[in-house]
Amino acid sequence: MAAYCPLEGNMAKKSARFRLGRRVKKLRKGYFWTQEKLAKKAGISRSYLQKIEGKNPPNVSIDTIGKIAMAFKRGMSELFL
């Protein structure tokens, strides 16, 4: 019998998306940027950024993660710390 993993399947995906959104929001606030400013720098819509930072974040493409990381002048992996 396999060991129980609380982050299996959909839970792991949601958790990673949620962590990404929390980290983006934390960095954005640390830079004293509005959602509008970060969205403009990253080349995404403010409404999409709002969803990423929200309670039920969408699947975010690697390209979008890269755009957000570049806006912060950070590596993509730093968005998941």
N, C-alpha and C. Protein backbone atom coordinates (compact mmCIF):
# COMPACT_ATOMS: atom_id res chain seq x y z
N MET A 1 0.84 -1.18 0.00
CA MET A 1 0.00 0.00 0.00
C MET A 1 0.89 1.25 0.00
N ALA A 2 0.57 2.19 -0.87
CA ALA A 2 1.36 3.42 -0.96
C ALA A 2 1.05 4.33 0.22
N ALA A 3 2.03 5.12 0.59
CA ALA A 3 1.85 6.09 1.68
C ALA A 3 0.92 7.20 1.21
N TYR A 4 0.14 7.70 2.13
CA TYR A 4 -0.78 8.80 1.83
C TYR A 4 0.01 10.09 1.64
N CYS A 5 -0.28 10.79 0.58
CA CYS A 5 0.36 12.08 0.32
C CYS A 5 -0.74 13.12 0.21
N PRO A 6 -0.80 14.08 1.13
CA PRO A 6 -1.88 15.07 1.11
C PRO A 6 -1.82 16.00 -0.09
N LEU A 7 -0.69 16.03 -0.80
CA LEU A 7 -0.58 16.93 -1.94
C LEU A 7 -0.59 16.18 -3.26
N GLU A 8 -1.30 15.05 -3.32
CA GLU A 8 -1.40 14.27 -4.53
C GLU A 8 -2.44 14.85 -5.47
N GLY A 9 -2.23 14.67 -6.75
CA GLY A 9 -3.23 15.02 -7.76
C GLY A 9 -3.60 16.49 -7.76
N ASN A 10 -4.91 16.74 -7.76
CA ASN A 10 -5.42 18.11 -7.84
C ASN A 10 -4.98 18.99 -6.68
N MET A 11 -4.82 18.39 -5.51
CA MET A 11 -4.39 19.18 -4.35
C MET A 11 -2.99 19.77 -4.58
N ALA A 12 -2.09 19.00 -5.17
CA ALA A 12 -0.73 19.48 -5.43
C ALA A 12 -0.78 20.62 -6.44
N LYS A 13 -1.58 20.48 -7.48
CA LYS A 13 -1.69 21.52 -8.49
C LYS A 13 -2.26 22.80 -7.89
N LYS A 14 -3.32 22.65 -7.13
CA LYS A 14 -3.93 23.82 -6.52
C LYS A 14 -2.98 24.46 -5.54
N SER A 15 -2.28 23.67 -4.79
CA SER A 15 -1.35 24.20 -3.81
C SER A 15 -0.23 24.98 -4.50
N ALA A 16 0.31 24.46 -5.59
CA ALA A 16 1.37 25.16 -6.32
C ALA A 16 0.83 26.46 -6.91
N ARG A 17 -0.35 26.42 -7.46
CA ARG A 17 -0.96 27.64 -8.02
C ARG A 17 -1.20 28.66 -6.92
N PHE A 18 -1.69 28.18 -5.79
CA PHE A 18 -1.98 29.08 -4.67
C PHE A 18 -0.68 29.70 -4.14
N ARG A 19 0.38 28.88 -4.00
CA ARG A 19 1.67 29.40 -3.53
C ARG A 19 2.23 30.43 -4.49
N LEU A 20 2.09 30.18 -5.79
CA LEU A 20 2.55 31.14 -6.78
C LEU A 20 1.82 32.47 -6.61
N GLY A 21 0.52 32.41 -6.49
CA GLY A 21 -0.28 33.63 -6.33
C GLY A 21 0.07 34.41 -5.08
N ARG A 22 0.25 33.70 -3.97
CA ARG A 22 0.63 34.36 -2.71
C ARG A 22 2.00 35.02 -2.84
N ARG A 23 2.93 34.34 -3.49
CA ARG A 23 4.29 34.87 -3.65
C ARG A 23 4.29 36.09 -4.56
N VAL A 24 3.55 36.03 -5.65
CA VAL A 24 3.46 37.17 -6.56
C VAL A 24 2.89 38.37 -5.82
N LYS A 25 1.84 38.15 -5.07
CA LYS A 25 1.21 39.25 -4.31
C LYS A 25 2.18 39.82 -3.28
N LYS A 26 2.91 38.96 -2.58
CA LYS A 26 3.86 39.41 -1.58
C LYS A 26 4.98 40.25 -2.22
N LEU A 27 5.52 39.76 -3.33
CA LEU A 27 6.56 40.52 -4.03
C LEU A 27 6.03 41.85 -4.53
N ARG A 28 4.84 41.80 -5.14
CA ARG A 28 4.24 43.04 -5.67
C ARG A 28 4.07 44.09 -4.60
N LYS A 29 3.56 43.67 -3.47
CA LYS A 29 3.37 44.62 -2.36
C LYS A 29 4.70 45.11 -1.81
N GLY A 30 5.71 44.24 -1.82
CA GLY A 30 7.05 44.63 -1.38
C GLY A 30 7.66 45.70 -2.28
N TYR A 31 7.29 45.68 -3.55
CA TYR A 31 7.76 46.69 -4.50
C TYR A 31 6.85 47.93 -4.48
N PHE A 32 5.78 47.87 -3.70
CA PHE A 32 4.78 48.94 -3.64
C PHE A 32 4.14 49.19 -5.00
N TRP A 33 3.90 48.09 -5.74
CA TRP A 33 3.26 48.15 -7.04
C TRP A 33 1.79 47.79 -6.92
N THR A 34 0.99 48.43 -7.74
CA THR A 34 -0.41 48.04 -7.87
C THR A 34 -0.48 46.83 -8.80
N GLN A 35 -1.62 46.18 -8.82
CA GLN A 35 -1.83 45.10 -9.78
C GLN A 35 -1.70 45.64 -11.20
N GLU A 36 -2.19 46.83 -11.41
CA GLU A 36 -2.12 47.46 -12.73
C GLU A 36 -0.67 47.64 -13.19
N LYS A 37 0.19 48.10 -12.28
CA LYS A 37 1.59 48.33 -12.63
C LYS A 37 2.31 47.01 -12.95
N LEU A 38 2.13 46.00 -12.12
CA LEU A 38 2.77 44.71 -12.38
C LEU A 38 2.24 44.10 -13.68
N ALA A 39 0.95 44.17 -13.88
CA ALA A 39 0.36 43.62 -15.10
C ALA A 39 0.96 44.29 -16.34
N LYS A 40 1.10 45.59 -16.29
CA LYS A 40 1.67 46.33 -17.42
C LYS A 40 3.12 45.92 -17.65
N LYS A 41 3.91 45.82 -16.59
CA LYS A 41 5.31 45.43 -16.70
C LYS A 41 5.45 44.00 -17.23
N ALA A 42 4.52 43.13 -16.85
CA ALA A 42 4.58 41.73 -17.25
C ALA A 42 3.89 41.47 -18.60
N GLY A 43 3.14 42.45 -19.09
CA GLY A 43 2.45 42.27 -20.36
C GLY A 43 1.25 41.34 -20.28
N ILE A 44 0.58 41.37 -19.13
CA ILE A 44 -0.64 40.58 -18.94
C ILE A 44 -1.75 41.52 -18.48
N SER A 45 -2.98 41.06 -18.51
CA SER A 45 -4.08 41.93 -18.08
C SER A 45 -4.15 41.98 -16.55
N ARG A 46 -4.66 43.08 -16.05
CA ARG A 46 -4.82 43.22 -14.61
C ARG A 46 -5.82 42.20 -14.08
N SER A 47 -6.85 41.92 -14.86
CA SER A 47 -7.86 40.96 -14.40
C SER A 47 -7.26 39.55 -14.29
N TYR A 48 -6.34 39.20 -15.20
CA TYR A 48 -5.69 37.89 -15.12
C TYR A 48 -4.76 37.84 -13.90
N LEU A 49 -4.03 38.91 -13.66
CA LEU A 49 -3.17 38.97 -12.47
C LEU A 49 -4.02 38.85 -11.20
N GLN A 50 -5.17 39.50 -11.19
CA GLN A 50 -6.08 39.42 -10.05
C GLN A 50 -6.50 37.97 -9.81
N LYS A 51 -6.75 37.23 -10.87
CA LYS A 51 -7.12 35.82 -10.74
C LYS A 51 -5.94 35.00 -10.20
N ILE A 52 -4.74 35.28 -10.69
CA ILE A 52 -3.54 34.57 -10.23
C ILE A 52 -3.35 34.76 -8.73
N GLU A 53 -3.58 35.97 -8.25
CA GLU A 53 -3.41 36.28 -6.84
C GLU A 53 -4.63 35.90 -5.99
N GLY A 54 -5.69 35.46 -6.62
CA GLY A 54 -6.95 35.19 -5.93
C GLY A 54 -6.99 33.87 -5.19
N LYS A 55 -8.18 33.57 -4.67
CA LYS A 55 -8.39 32.38 -3.85
C LYS A 55 -8.46 31.09 -4.66
N ASN A 56 -8.81 31.18 -5.92
CA ASN A 56 -8.90 30.00 -6.79
C ASN A 56 -8.13 30.29 -8.08
N PRO A 57 -6.80 30.32 -8.00
CA PRO A 57 -6.00 30.73 -9.16
C PRO A 57 -6.08 29.73 -10.31
N PRO A 58 -5.97 30.25 -11.53
CA PRO A 58 -6.02 29.38 -12.72
C PRO A 58 -4.68 28.70 -12.94
N ASN A 59 -4.65 27.77 -13.89
CA ASN A 59 -3.37 27.23 -14.34
C ASN A 59 -2.65 28.37 -15.06
N VAL A 60 -1.41 28.59 -14.71
CA VAL A 60 -0.63 29.68 -15.30
C VAL A 60 0.45 29.07 -16.17
N SER A 61 0.55 29.54 -17.41
CA SER A 61 1.54 28.99 -18.32
C SER A 61 2.95 29.36 -17.89
N ILE A 62 3.90 28.58 -18.33
CA ILE A 62 5.31 28.85 -18.02
C ILE A 62 5.71 30.19 -18.63
N ASP A 63 5.13 30.55 -19.76
CA ASP A 63 5.43 31.84 -20.38
C ASP A 63 4.98 33.00 -19.49
N THR A 64 3.80 32.88 -18.92
CA THR A 64 3.29 33.92 -18.04
C THR A 64 4.12 34.01 -16.76
N ILE A 65 4.49 32.87 -16.21
CA ILE A 65 5.35 32.87 -15.03
C ILE A 65 6.67 33.58 -15.35
N GLY A 66 7.20 33.31 -16.54
CA GLY A 66 8.42 33.97 -16.96
C GLY A 66 8.26 35.47 -17.09
N LYS A 67 7.14 35.92 -17.63
CA LYS A 67 6.87 37.36 -17.77
C LYS A 67 6.80 38.04 -16.40
N ILE A 68 6.13 37.38 -15.47
CA ILE A 68 6.01 37.95 -14.12
C ILE A 68 7.38 38.00 -13.45
N ALA A 69 8.15 36.93 -13.57
CA ALA A 69 9.49 36.89 -12.99
C ALA A 69 10.37 37.99 -13.59
N MET A 70 10.29 38.18 -14.91
CA MET A 70 11.08 39.22 -15.55
C MET A 70 10.68 40.61 -15.08
N ALA A 71 9.40 40.81 -14.83
CA ALA A 71 8.93 42.11 -14.32
C ALA A 71 9.57 42.42 -12.97
N PHE A 72 9.75 41.37 -12.15
CA PHE A 72 10.40 41.54 -10.85
C PHE A 72 11.92 41.46 -10.93
N LYS A 73 12.44 41.15 -12.14
CA LYS A 73 13.88 40.94 -12.34
C LYS A 73 14.41 39.84 -11.42
N ARG A 74 13.66 38.72 -11.43
CA ARG A 74 13.99 37.56 -10.61
C ARG A 74 13.87 36.29 -11.46
N GLY A 75 14.43 35.23 -10.98
CA GLY A 75 14.27 33.94 -11.64
C GLY A 75 12.90 33.36 -11.37
N MET A 76 12.43 32.53 -12.29
CA MET A 76 11.10 31.94 -12.13
C MET A 76 10.99 31.11 -10.85
N SER A 77 12.06 30.43 -10.48
CA SER A 77 12.01 29.58 -9.28
C SER A 77 11.75 30.41 -8.02
N GLU A 78 12.14 31.68 -8.04
CA GLU A 78 11.92 32.52 -6.87
C GLU A 78 10.45 32.83 -6.62
N LEU A 79 9.62 32.59 -7.62
CA LEU A 79 8.19 32.82 -7.46
C LEU A 79 7.51 31.68 -6.70
N PHE A 80 8.25 30.61 -6.45
CA PHE A 80 7.68 29.45 -5.76
C PHE A 80 8.27 29.24 -4.38
N LEU A 81 9.08 30.16 -3.90
CA LEU A 81 9.70 30.01 -2.59
C LEU A 81 8.71 30.28 -1.47
